[in-house]
C-alpha atoms as a PDB file:
ATOM      1  CA  MET A   1     -22.490 -61.059 151.481  1.00  0.00           C
ATOM      2  CA  LEU A   2     -22.918 -63.972 153.904  1.00  0.00           C
ATOM      3  CA  ASN A   3     -24.917 -61.734 156.216  1.00  0.00           C
ATOM      4  CA  ARG A   4     -27.291 -60.897 153.371  1.00  0.00           C
ATOM      5  CA  ILE A   5     -27.943 -64.580 152.747  1.00  0.00           C
ATOM      6  CA  PHE A   6     -27.864 -65.998 156.278  1.00  0.00           C
ATOM      7  CA  SER A   7     -28.296 -63.024 158.656  1.00  0.00           C
ATOM      8  CA  MET A   8     -25.775 -64.424 161.132  1.00  0.00           C
ATOM      9  CA  PRO A   9     -22.024 -64.937 161.554  1.00  0.00           C
ATOM     10  CA  LYS A  10     -20.325 -68.217 160.620  1.00  0.00           C
ATOM     11  CA  PRO A  11     -23.306 -69.877 158.884  1.00  0.00           C
ATOM     12  CA  ILE A  12     -23.403 -73.668 158.799  1.00  0.00           C
ATOM     13  CA  ILE A  13     -24.673 -75.155 155.541  1.00  0.00           C
ATOM     14  CA  GLY A  14     -25.917 -78.740 155.556  1.00  0.00           C
ATOM     15  CA  MET A  15     -25.583 -81.015 152.550  1.00  0.00           C
ATOM     16  CA  ILE A  16     -28.466 -82.718 150.772  1.00  0.00           C
ATOM     17  CA  HIS A  17     -26.904 -85.578 148.797  1.00  0.00           C
ATOM     18  CA  LEU A  18     -29.502 -86.580 146.229  1.00  0.00           C
ATOM     19  CA  LYS A  19     -29.923 -90.281 145.497  1.00  0.00           C
ATOM     20  CA  PRO A  20     -28.841 -91.396 141.988  1.00  0.00           C
ATOM     21  CA  LEU A  21     -30.825 -89.353 139.491  1.00  0.00           C
ATOM     22  CA  PRO A  22     -32.443 -90.473 136.215  1.00  0.00           C
ATOM     23  CA  GLY A  23     -29.780 -91.006 133.572  1.00  0.00           C
ATOM     24  CA  SER A  24     -26.996 -91.865 136.017  1.00  0.00           C
ATOM     25  CA  PRO A  25     -25.618 -95.440 136.066  1.00  0.00           C
ATOM     26  CA  ASN A  26     -26.884 -96.195 139.581  1.00  0.00           C
ATOM     27  CA  TYR A  27     -30.399 -94.852 139.106  1.00  0.00           C
ATOM     28  CA  ASP A  28     -32.899 -97.576 139.997  1.00  0.00           C
ATOM     29  CA  PRO A  29     -36.555 -96.517 139.902  1.00  0.00           C
ATOM     30  CA  ALA A  30     -37.511 -99.745 141.669  1.00  0.00           C
ATOM     31  CA  VAL A  31     -35.568 -98.527 144.727  1.00  0.00           C
ATOM     32  CA  TYR A  32     -35.715 -94.732 144.441  1.00  0.00           C
ATOM     33  CA  ASP A  33     -37.907 -93.278 141.726  1.00  0.00           C
ATOM     34  CA  ILE A  34     -37.954 -89.507 141.334  1.00  0.00           C
ATOM     35  CA  LYS A  35     -40.746 -89.092 143.895  1.00  0.00           C
ATOM     36  CA  LYS A  36     -38.818 -91.076 146.505  1.00  0.00           C
ATOM     37  CA  ILE A  37     -35.639 -89.156 145.692  1.00  0.00           C
ATOM     38  CA  ILE A  38     -37.454 -85.875 146.275  1.00  0.00           C
ATOM     39  CA  ASP A  39     -39.221 -87.127 149.423  1.00  0.00           C
ATOM     40  CA  PHE A  40     -35.885 -88.279 150.907  1.00  0.00           C
ATOM     41  CA  ALA A  41     -34.288 -84.894 150.149  1.00  0.00           C
ATOM     42  CA  VAL A  42     -37.193 -82.982 151.698  1.00  0.00           C
ATOM     43  CA  GLU A  43     -37.128 -85.160 154.815  1.00  0.00           C
ATOM     44  CA  GLU A  44     -33.385 -84.557 155.279  1.00  0.00           C
ATOM     45  CA  ALA A  45     -33.870 -80.837 154.688  1.00  0.00           C
ATOM     46  CA  LYS A  46     -36.551 -80.602 157.383  1.00  0.00           C
ATOM     47  CA  ILE A  47     -34.386 -82.507 159.865  1.00  0.00           C
ATOM     48  CA  LEU A  48     -31.438 -80.190 159.277  1.00  0.00           C
ATOM     49  CA  GLU A  49     -33.561 -77.059 159.485  1.00  0.00           C
ATOM     50  CA  ASP A  50     -35.162 -78.247 162.739  1.00  0.00           C
ATOM     51  CA  ALA A  51     -31.673 -78.938 164.115  1.00  0.00           C
ATOM     52  CA  GLY A  52     -30.711 -75.322 163.566  1.00  0.00           C
ATOM     53  CA  LEU A  53     -28.747 -75.396 160.303  1.00  0.00           C
ATOM     54  CA  ASN A  54     -28.528 -72.033 158.554  1.00  0.00           C
ATOM     55  CA  GLY A  55     -28.652 -73.186 154.922  1.00  0.00           C
ATOM     56  CA  LEU A  56     -28.737 -76.240 152.671  1.00  0.00           C
ATOM     57  CA  GLN A  57     -26.694 -77.182 149.604  1.00  0.00           C
ATOM     58  CA  ILE A  58     -28.175 -79.687 147.165  1.00  0.00           C
ATOM     59  CA  GLU A  59     -25.937 -81.803 144.933  1.00  0.00           C
ATOM     60  CA  ASN A  60     -26.032 -84.881 142.707  1.00  0.00           C
ATOM     61  CA  TYR A  61     -23.562 -86.712 144.937  1.00  0.00           C
ATOM     62  CA  TRP A  62     -24.493 -90.214 143.768  1.00  0.00           C
ATOM     63  CA  ASP A  63     -24.438 -89.608 139.998  1.00  0.00           C
ATOM     64  CA  GLU A  64     -21.035 -91.273 139.758  1.00  0.00           C
ATOM     65  CA  PRO A  65     -19.048 -91.687 137.607  1.00  0.00           C
ATOM     66  CA  PHE A  66     -19.416 -87.984 136.935  1.00  0.00           C
ATOM     67  CA  LEU A  67     -19.583 -86.125 133.658  1.00  0.00           C
ATOM     68  CA  LYS A  68     -17.705 -82.950 132.839  1.00  0.00           C
ATOM     69  CA  GLY A  69     -19.798 -79.834 133.176  1.00  0.00           C
ATOM     70  CA  GLU A  70     -20.470 -79.298 129.491  1.00  0.00           C
ATOM     71  CA  LYS A  71     -21.720 -82.894 129.116  1.00  0.00           C
ATOM     72  CA  ILE A  72     -24.226 -82.855 131.975  1.00  0.00           C
ATOM     73  CA  GLY A  73     -27.603 -83.789 130.512  1.00  0.00           C
ATOM     74  CA  TYR A  74     -31.001 -82.155 130.561  1.00  0.00           C
ATOM     75  CA  GLU A  75     -32.283 -85.067 132.651  1.00  0.00           C
ATOM     76  CA  THR A  76     -29.894 -84.183 135.485  1.00  0.00           C
ATOM     77  CA  CYS A  77     -30.817 -80.500 135.419  1.00  0.00           C
ATOM     78  CA  THR A  78     -34.553 -81.174 135.421  1.00  0.00           C
ATOM     79  CA  ALA A  79     -34.363 -83.757 138.226  1.00  0.00           C
ATOM     80  CA  MET A  80     -32.235 -81.451 140.359  1.00  0.00           C
ATOM     81  CA  THR A  81     -34.602 -78.561 139.666  1.00  0.00           C
ATOM     82  CA  ALA A  82     -37.544 -80.659 140.819  1.00  0.00           C
ATOM     83  CA  ALA A  83     -35.719 -81.711 143.988  1.00  0.00           C
ATOM     84  CA  ALA A  84     -34.374 -78.238 144.787  1.00  0.00           C
ATOM     85  CA  SER A  85     -37.810 -76.672 144.238  1.00  0.00           C
ATOM     86  CA  ALA A  86     -39.412 -79.150 146.626  1.00  0.00           C
ATOM     87  CA  VAL A  87     -36.746 -78.548 149.265  1.00  0.00           C
ATOM     88  CA  ALA A  88     -37.002 -74.763 148.940  1.00  0.00           C
ATOM     89  CA  GLN A  89     -40.782 -74.918 149.302  1.00  0.00           C
ATOM     90  CA  ASN A  90     -40.574 -76.973 152.495  1.00  0.00           C
ATOM     91  CA  VAL A  91     -37.931 -75.057 154.470  1.00  0.00           C
ATOM     92  CA  ASN A  92     -37.383 -71.458 155.498  1.00  0.00           C
ATOM     93  CA  ILE A  93     -33.593 -71.376 155.206  1.00  0.00           C
ATOM     94  CA  PRO A  94     -31.646 -70.502 152.036  1.00  0.00           C
ATOM     95  CA  VAL A  95     -30.648 -73.132 149.506  1.00  0.00           C
ATOM     96  CA  GLY A  96     -27.634 -73.489 147.195  1.00  0.00           C
ATOM     97  CA  ILE A  97     -26.745 -75.816 144.311  1.00  0.00           C
ATOM     98  CA  ASN A  98     -23.687 -77.887 143.354  1.00  0.00           C
ATOM     99  CA  VAL A  99     -23.601 -80.002 140.181  1.00  0.00           C
ATOM    100  CA  HIS A 100     -20.846 -82.563 139.675  1.00  0.00           C
ATOM    101  CA  MET A 101     -18.431 -82.290 138.005  1.00  0.00           C
ATOM    102  CA  ASN A 102     -17.776 -78.568 137.866  1.00  0.00           C
ATOM    103  CA  GLY A 103     -21.205 -78.056 136.330  1.00  0.00           C
ATOM    104  CA  GLY A 104     -21.364 -74.336 137.027  1.00  0.00           C
ATOM    105  CA  LYS A 105     -23.730 -73.421 134.189  1.00  0.00           C
ATOM    106  CA  ALA A 106     -26.098 -76.249 135.087  1.00  0.00           C
ATOM    107  CA  ALA A 107     -26.027 -75.142 138.731  1.00  0.00           C
ATOM    108  CA  MET A 108     -26.650 -71.515 137.760  1.00  0.00           C
ATOM    109  CA  ALA A 109     -29.657 -72.488 135.626  1.00  0.00           C
ATOM    110  CA  ILE A 110     -31.089 -74.619 138.450  1.00  0.00           C
ATOM    111  CA  ALA A 111     -30.495 -71.820 140.956  1.00  0.00           C
ATOM    112  CA  CYS A 112     -32.348 -69.359 138.706  1.00  0.00           C
ATOM    113  CA  ALA A 113     -35.310 -71.713 138.400  1.00  0.00           C
ATOM    114  CA  THR A 114     -35.539 -72.542 142.111  1.00  0.00           C
ATOM    115  CA  GLY A 115     -34.624 -69.328 143.899  1.00  0.00           C
ATOM    116  CA  ALA A 116     -31.343 -70.728 145.217  1.00  0.00           C
ATOM    117  CA  LYS A 117     -28.965 -68.122 146.636  1.00  0.00           C
ATOM    118  CA  TRP A 118     -25.585 -69.556 145.623  1.00  0.00           C
ATOM    119  CA  ILE A 119     -23.812 -72.208 143.618  1.00  0.00           C
ATOM    120  CA  ARG A 120     -20.574 -74.067 144.327  1.00  0.00           C
ATOM    121  CA  VAL A 121     -17.874 -74.157 141.656  1.00  0.00           C
ATOM    122  CA  PHE A 122     -15.008 -76.632 142.051  1.00  0.00           C
ATOM    123  CA  GLU A 123     -12.700 -75.003 139.499  1.00  0.00           C
ATOM    124  CA  PHE A 124     -13.504 -71.353 138.801  1.00  0.00           C
ATOM    125  CA  VAL A 125     -10.025 -70.474 137.533  1.00  0.00           C
ATOM    126  CA  SER A 126      -6.887 -72.486 136.698  1.00  0.00           C
ATOM    127  CA  ALA A 127      -7.124 -76.295 136.251  1.00  0.00           C
ATOM    128  CA  TYR A 128      -6.610 -79.635 138.003  1.00  0.00           C
ATOM    129  CA  ILE A 129      -7.055 -83.348 137.361  1.00  0.00           C
ATOM    130  CA  SER A 130     -10.385 -84.507 138.760  1.00  0.00           C
ATOM    131  CA  TYR A 131     -12.368 -87.738 138.455  1.00  0.00           C
ATOM    132  CA  THR A 132     -13.269 -86.645 134.945  1.00  0.00           C
ATOM    133  CA  GLY A 133      -9.723 -85.851 133.820  1.00  0.00           C
ATOM    134  CA  LEU A 134      -8.451 -82.376 133.057  1.00  0.00           C
ATOM    135  CA  THR A 135     -10.910 -79.978 134.661  1.00  0.00           C
ATOM    136  CA  GLU A 136     -10.419 -76.387 133.604  1.00  0.00           C
ATOM    137  CA  GLY A 137     -11.609 -73.115 135.064  1.00  0.00           C
ATOM    138  CA  ILE A 138     -15.031 -71.951 133.907  1.00  0.00           C
ATOM    139  CA  GLY A 139     -15.107 -68.508 135.516  1.00  0.00           C
ATOM    140  CA  GLY A 140     -15.185 -66.483 132.309  1.00  0.00           C
ATOM    141  CA  GLU A 141     -17.990 -68.470 130.710  1.00  0.00           C
ATOM    142  CA  LEU A 142     -19.958 -68.844 133.946  1.00  0.00           C
ATOM    143  CA  SER A 143     -19.804 -65.153 134.831  1.00  0.00           C
ATOM    144  CA  ARG A 144     -21.119 -64.236 131.394  1.00  0.00           C
ATOM    145  CA  TYR A 145     -23.879 -66.845 131.705  1.00  0.00           C
ATOM    146  CA  ARG A 146     -24.919 -65.402 135.076  1.00  0.00           C
ATOM    147  CA  SER A 147     -25.031 -61.945 133.551  1.00  0.00           C
ATOM    148  CA  MET A 148     -27.069 -63.176 130.598  1.00  0.00           C
ATOM    149  CA  LEU A 149     -29.600 -64.739 132.988  1.00  0.00           C
ATOM    150  CA  GLY A 150     -29.840 -61.527 135.006  1.00  0.00           C
ATOM    151  CA  ALA A 151     -28.805 -63.558 138.054  1.00  0.00           C
ATOM    152  CA  LYS A 152     -26.121 -61.415 139.663  1.00  0.00           C
ATOM    153  CA  ASP A 153     -27.682 -61.968 143.087  1.00  0.00           C
ATOM    154  CA  ILE A 154     -26.778 -65.668 142.880  1.00  0.00           C
ATOM    155  CA  GLN A 155     -23.398 -65.930 144.587  1.00  0.00           C
ATOM    156  CA  MET A 156     -20.546 -68.110 143.326  1.00  0.00           C
ATOM    157  CA  PHE A 157     -18.717 -69.990 146.107  1.00  0.00           C
ATOM    158  CA  CYS A 158     -15.511 -71.217 144.485  1.00  0.00           C
ATOM    159  CA  ASP A 159     -13.002 -73.799 145.677  1.00  0.00           C
ATOM    160  CA  ALA A 160      -9.267 -73.258 145.793  1.00  0.00           C
ATOM    161  CA  ASN A 161      -7.198 -76.469 145.752  1.00  0.00           C
ATOM    162  CA  VAL A 162     -10.402 -78.507 145.825  1.00  0.00           C
ATOM    163  CA  LYS A 163     -10.667 -82.079 147.144  1.00  0.00           C
ATOM    164  CA  HIS A 164     -10.861 -85.232 144.995  1.00  0.00           C
ATOM    165  CA  GLY A 165      -8.107 -84.499 142.532  1.00  0.00           C
ATOM    166  CA  SER A 166      -4.481 -83.751 141.749  1.00  0.00           C
ATOM    167  CA  HIS A 167      -3.196 -80.190 141.569  1.00  0.00           C
ATOM    168  CA  TYR A 168       0.314 -81.105 140.461  1.00  0.00           C
ATOM    169  CA  ILE A 169      -0.075 -79.130 137.240  1.00  0.00           C
ATOM    170  CA  VAL A 170      -0.293 -75.984 139.382  1.00  0.00           C
ATOM    171  CA  HIS A 171       2.014 -77.147 142.173  1.00  0.00           C
ATOM    172  CA  ASP A 172       4.081 -73.970 141.818  1.00  0.00           C
ATOM    173  CA  ARG A 173       1.027 -72.004 142.962  1.00  0.00           C
ATOM    174  CA  SER A 174       0.173 -71.858 146.676  1.00  0.00           C
ATOM    175  CA  VAL A 175      -3.379 -72.317 147.935  1.00  0.00           C
ATOM    176  CA  ASN A 176      -3.365 -68.591 148.737  1.00  0.00           C
ATOM    177  CA  GLU A 177      -2.360 -67.698 145.187  1.00  0.00           C
ATOM    178  CA  LEU A 178      -5.117 -69.930 143.804  1.00  0.00           C
ATOM    179  CA  ALA A 179      -7.656 -68.350 146.167  1.00  0.00           C
ATOM    180  CA  TYR A 180      -6.474 -64.861 145.259  1.00  0.00           C
ATOM    181  CA  ASP A 181      -6.780 -65.644 141.550  1.00  0.00           C
ATOM    182  CA  ALA A 182     -10.367 -66.790 142.070  1.00  0.00           C
ATOM    183  CA  GLN A 183     -11.186 -63.671 144.069  1.00  0.00           C
ATOM    184  CA  GLU A 184      -9.652 -61.373 141.469  1.00  0.00           C
ATOM    185  CA  GLN A 185     -11.590 -63.095 138.691  1.00  0.00           C
ATOM    186  CA  GLY A 186     -14.933 -62.615 140.423  1.00  0.00           C
ATOM    187  CA  ALA A 187     -15.525 -65.375 142.990  1.00  0.00           C
ATOM    188  CA  ASP A 188     -17.971 -64.237 145.673  1.00  0.00           C
ATOM    189  CA  GLY A 189     -16.579 -66.653 148.260  1.00  0.00           C
ATOM    190  CA  ILE A 190     -13.701 -69.124 148.610  1.00  0.00           C
ATOM    191  CA  ILE A 191     -14.056 -72.728 149.786  1.00  0.00           C
ATOM    192  CA  ILE A 192     -11.143 -74.611 151.363  1.00  0.00           C
ATOM    193  CA  THR A 193     -11.203 -78.403 151.721  1.00  0.00           C
ATOM    194  CA  GLY A 194      -9.090 -81.375 152.688  1.00  0.00           C
ATOM    195  CA  PHE A 195      -8.179 -83.966 150.076  1.00  0.00           C
ATOM    196  CA  SER A 196     -11.415 -85.964 150.108  1.00  0.00           C
ATOM    197  CA  THR A 197     -14.927 -86.130 151.542  1.00  0.00           C
ATOM    198  CA  GLY A 198     -14.773 -86.303 155.333  1.00  0.00           C
ATOM    199  CA  ILE A 199     -11.175 -85.040 155.497  1.00  0.00           C
ATOM    200  CA  ALA A 200     -10.787 -81.559 156.930  1.00  0.00           C
ATOM    201  CA  PRO A 201      -8.265 -78.968 155.831  1.00  0.00           C
ATOM    202  CA  THR A 202      -5.664 -78.087 158.431  1.00  0.00           C
ATOM    203  CA  LYS A 203      -5.946 -74.839 160.337  1.00  0.00           C
ATOM    204  CA  GLU A 204      -2.661 -73.802 158.741  1.00  0.00           C
ATOM    205  CA  LYS A 205      -4.079 -74.329 155.239  1.00  0.00           C
ATOM    206  CA  VAL A 206      -7.102 -72.156 155.994  1.00  0.00           C
ATOM    207  CA  VAL A 207      -4.956 -69.404 157.504  1.00  0.00           C
ATOM    208  CA  GLU A 208      -2.626 -69.488 154.492  1.00  0.00           C
ATOM    209  CA  ALA A 209      -5.520 -69.473 152.037  1.00  0.00           C
ATOM    210  CA  ARG A 210      -7.174 -66.360 153.413  1.00  0.00           C
ATOM    211  CA  LYS A 211      -4.196 -63.981 153.356  1.00  0.00           C
ATOM    212  CA  ASN A 212      -5.230 -60.848 151.405  1.00  0.00           C
ATOM    213  CA  ILE A 213      -8.630 -62.427 150.714  1.00  0.00           C
ATOM    214  CA  LYS A 214     -11.507 -60.009 151.161  1.00  0.00           C
ATOM    215  CA  VAL A 215     -14.392 -62.339 150.271  1.00  0.00           C
ATOM    216  CA  PRO A 216     -15.694 -64.909 152.792  1.00  0.00           C
ATOM    217  CA  VAL A 217     -13.708 -68.122 153.258  1.00  0.00           C
ATOM    218  CA  LEU A 218     -15.760 -71.250 153.958  1.00  0.00           C
ATOM    219  CA  LEU A 219     -14.735 -74.738 155.034  1.00  0.00           C
ATOM    220  CA  GLY A 220     -15.790 -77.398 152.550  1.00  0.00           C
ATOM    221  CA  SER A 221     -14.987 -80.831 153.978  1.00  0.00           C
ATOM    222  CA  GLY A 222     -14.346 -82.804 157.140  1.00  0.00           C
ATOM    223  CA  ILE A 223     -15.755 -80.385 159.704  1.00  0.00           C
ATOM    224  CA  ASN A 224     -17.123 -82.165 162.776  1.00  0.00           C
ATOM    225  CA  ILE A 225     -17.880 -81.504 166.418  1.00  0.00           C
ATOM    226  CA  GLN A 226     -14.298 -82.303 167.436  1.00  0.00           C
ATOM    227  CA  ASN A 227     -12.528 -79.839 165.119  1.00  0.00           C
ATOM    228  CA  ALA A 228     -15.256 -77.219 164.710  1.00  0.00           C
ATOM    229  CA  GLU A 229     -13.933 -74.752 167.270  1.00  0.00           C
ATOM    230  CA  GLU A 230     -10.397 -74.748 165.866  1.00  0.00           C
ATOM    231  CA  LEU A 231     -11.379 -74.480 162.204  1.00  0.00           C
ATOM    232  CA  LEU A 232     -14.307 -72.095 162.525  1.00  0.00           C
ATOM    233  CA  SER A 233     -12.062 -69.720 164.464  1.00  0.00           C
ATOM    234  CA  VAL A 234     -10.152 -69.041 161.215  1.00  0.00           C
ATOM    235  CA  SER A 235     -13.026 -69.225 158.712  1.00  0.00           C
ATOM    236  CA  ASP A 236     -16.365 -67.572 157.974  1.00  0.00           C
ATOM    237  CA  GLY A 237     -18.598 -70.646 157.918  1.00  0.00           C
ATOM    238  CA  ALA A 238     -18.762 -74.261 156.788  1.00  0.00           C
ATOM    239  CA  ILE A 239     -20.465 -76.718 154.453  1.00  0.00           C
ATOM    240  CA  ILE A 240     -21.048 -80.024 156.251  1.00  0.00           C
ATOM    241  CA  GLY A 241     -22.259 -83.400 154.995  1.00  0.00           C
ATOM    242  CA  SER A 242     -20.734 -86.604 156.323  1.00  0.00           C
ATOM    243  CA  ALA A 243     -20.502 -85.418 159.954  1.00  0.00           C
ATOM    244  CA  PHE A 244     -24.307 -85.388 160.192  1.00  0.00           C
ATOM    245  CA  LYS A 245     -24.957 -88.816 158.668  1.00  0.00           C
ATOM    246  CA  THR A 246     -26.268 -91.701 160.763  1.00  0.00           C
ATOM    247  CA  ASP A 247     -23.350 -94.016 161.627  1.00  0.00           C
ATOM    248  CA  GLY A 248     -21.176 -91.862 159.371  1.00  0.00           C
ATOM    249  CA  ASP A 249     -22.718 -93.701 156.404  1.00  0.00           C
ATOM    250  CA  MET A 250     -23.240 -91.366 153.441  1.00  0.00           C
ATOM    251  CA  LYS A 251     -26.121 -93.541 152.184  1.00  0.00           C
ATOM    252  CA  LYS A 252     -28.171 -93.123 155.359  1.00  0.00           C
ATOM    253  CA  MET A 253     -30.455 -90.332 156.530  1.00  0.00           C
ATOM    254  CA  VAL A 254     -28.936 -87.416 158.396  1.00  0.00           C
ATOM    255  CA  ASN A 255     -28.964 -87.825 162.173  1.00  0.00           C
ATOM    256  CA  ASP A 256     -31.012 -85.246 164.053  1.00  0.00           C
ATOM    257  CA  GLN A 257     -29.025 -85.506 167.282  1.00  0.00           C
ATOM    258  CA  LYS A 258     -25.640 -85.179 165.577  1.00  0.00           C
ATOM    259  CA  ALA A 259     -26.793 -82.032 163.832  1.00  0.00           C
ATOM    260  CA  ARG A 260     -28.301 -80.566 167.011  1.00  0.00           C
ATOM    261  CA  ASP A 261     -25.172 -81.257 169.058  1.00  0.00           C
ATOM    262  CA  PHE A 262     -22.998 -79.627 166.418  1.00  0.00           C
ATOM    263  CA  MET A 263     -25.173 -76.539 166.142  1.00  0.00           C
ATOM    264  CA  ARG A 264     -25.279 -76.187 169.937  1.00  0.00           C
ATOM    265  CA  LYS A 265     -21.491 -76.010 169.920  1.00  0.00           C
ATOM    266  CA  VAL A 266     -21.490 -73.461 167.098  1.00  0.00           C
ATOM    267  CA  GLU A 267     -24.001 -71.264 168.916  1.00  0.00           C
ATOM    268  CA  ASN A 268     -21.693 -71.204 171.935  1.00  0.00           C
ATOM    269  CA  MET A 269     -18.874 -69.972 169.687  1.00  0.00           C
ATOM    270  CA  ARG A 270     -20.783 -67.156 167.985  1.00  0.00           C
END
């Protein structure tokens, strides 16, 4: 499946963190109106493509505090559709969508409208406590929605033991069991993370997660030039955001040289 999307082993997906969108508490049209938001996203996308990235994932990173999936508004979907369309039209690498928090149906609708190839789903099966409280699996509803849209070619990359939350309510289930559940319920890929943005999972966690897993296993947080060789050796690719930011500051533009240096190392591993 990854080969169909990316045409290469161990694809590296760069993050496009959209500035606060209309309707979110931090949206300020005097600083970033929708045109500036889109222009910033397109500029980052071009930098990452030129640096050799294999794909891009667009998300409403700065729409905090987040809403639960079913409460995400039309304004968020339309703004993300506009941004994702502009990015897709200005690069030649595949694009995916992630909508906080666990907004799988919103992401699927945006992907359909923009030609995106995948969506990210934080909680496909089971449940955990996220920023927005109890966050339950949406796999059954989302899979039916994808079918209704005739969008079976849009892949669902689903987290197991996702970052930014407590999994104590399922603490009797290992990360491998959670990953296996997601696979058995229809996930097209599994994402493994550390406990927060910029924190990588351990090699041992990735190895444990992928036992008896037949779908691709991607890294979802904390991958950088120092740990890339170790972690990519036990995974099928990675989604990377903070490691490419100028000065490590999530609010700044991605850094061309950081991205190029990272991709040079990855090419030597392939």
